[in-house]
């Protein structure tokens, strides 16, 4: 496992610490004609050799290095606008991670252990966490459909779908805190959200908006707490 950790360390150093912004700019402009692209790959090769310090691992290092070049090249040609660059950044990093893991398990003759995921507790954990994402968001949207929320929030600028993602993250955090026995963290999370979200109550519209936020928070946290307790009771 230490080899896998070193490979990820080499990737982090090479992609985020030893790749200046000027290299990225030149790669995006010249693509395969950019010398910085090939220098970037050389840096990754050097880091892997230095961290592993075992030349018998050259097939593993060569495979990861070539895959890194292919993934980076594809990203340079497929990313177009700023939006696609954002998506391709995450796709790029996920593909690099997959390539490193697959290469490691292939050349080190390791085996994937899916035992926990296929066990009763593993399936229960996955089911609970999945339910707390989009299904719960849909349930809450249905509950709030009895009120004209758009009228209440029309003058309140907000990032697109920000509320949905905040809700998903807070439910997952509450669930994890509960199954790990950190109830105090749940209280801290509720307090932190209250400070940031609950506004001035002077105007009637603000009062309605605050009530909407309060109801949503209680329902969201309540569902997460119930599923956390259910998991602890069943697992």
Foldseek 3Di string as FASTA:
>chain_A
DVLLVQLVVLVCCLPPPVQDPVLVVQCLVQPPVRPSLVVSLVSSLVSSCVSVVDCVCVVLSVQLSVQLSVLSSVLSVPQDDPVSVVVSVVVSVVSSSVSSVVSCCVVVVNDDDCPQCPDPLNVLVVVLLVCLAVVVVVVVVVVCPVDPVCVLCVPPDDDPCPVRVVLSVLLNVLLVCLLVVNVVVNVVVVVVCCVVPQDDPPDPSSVVVNVSVVVVVCSSSVSSNVSSVVSVVVD
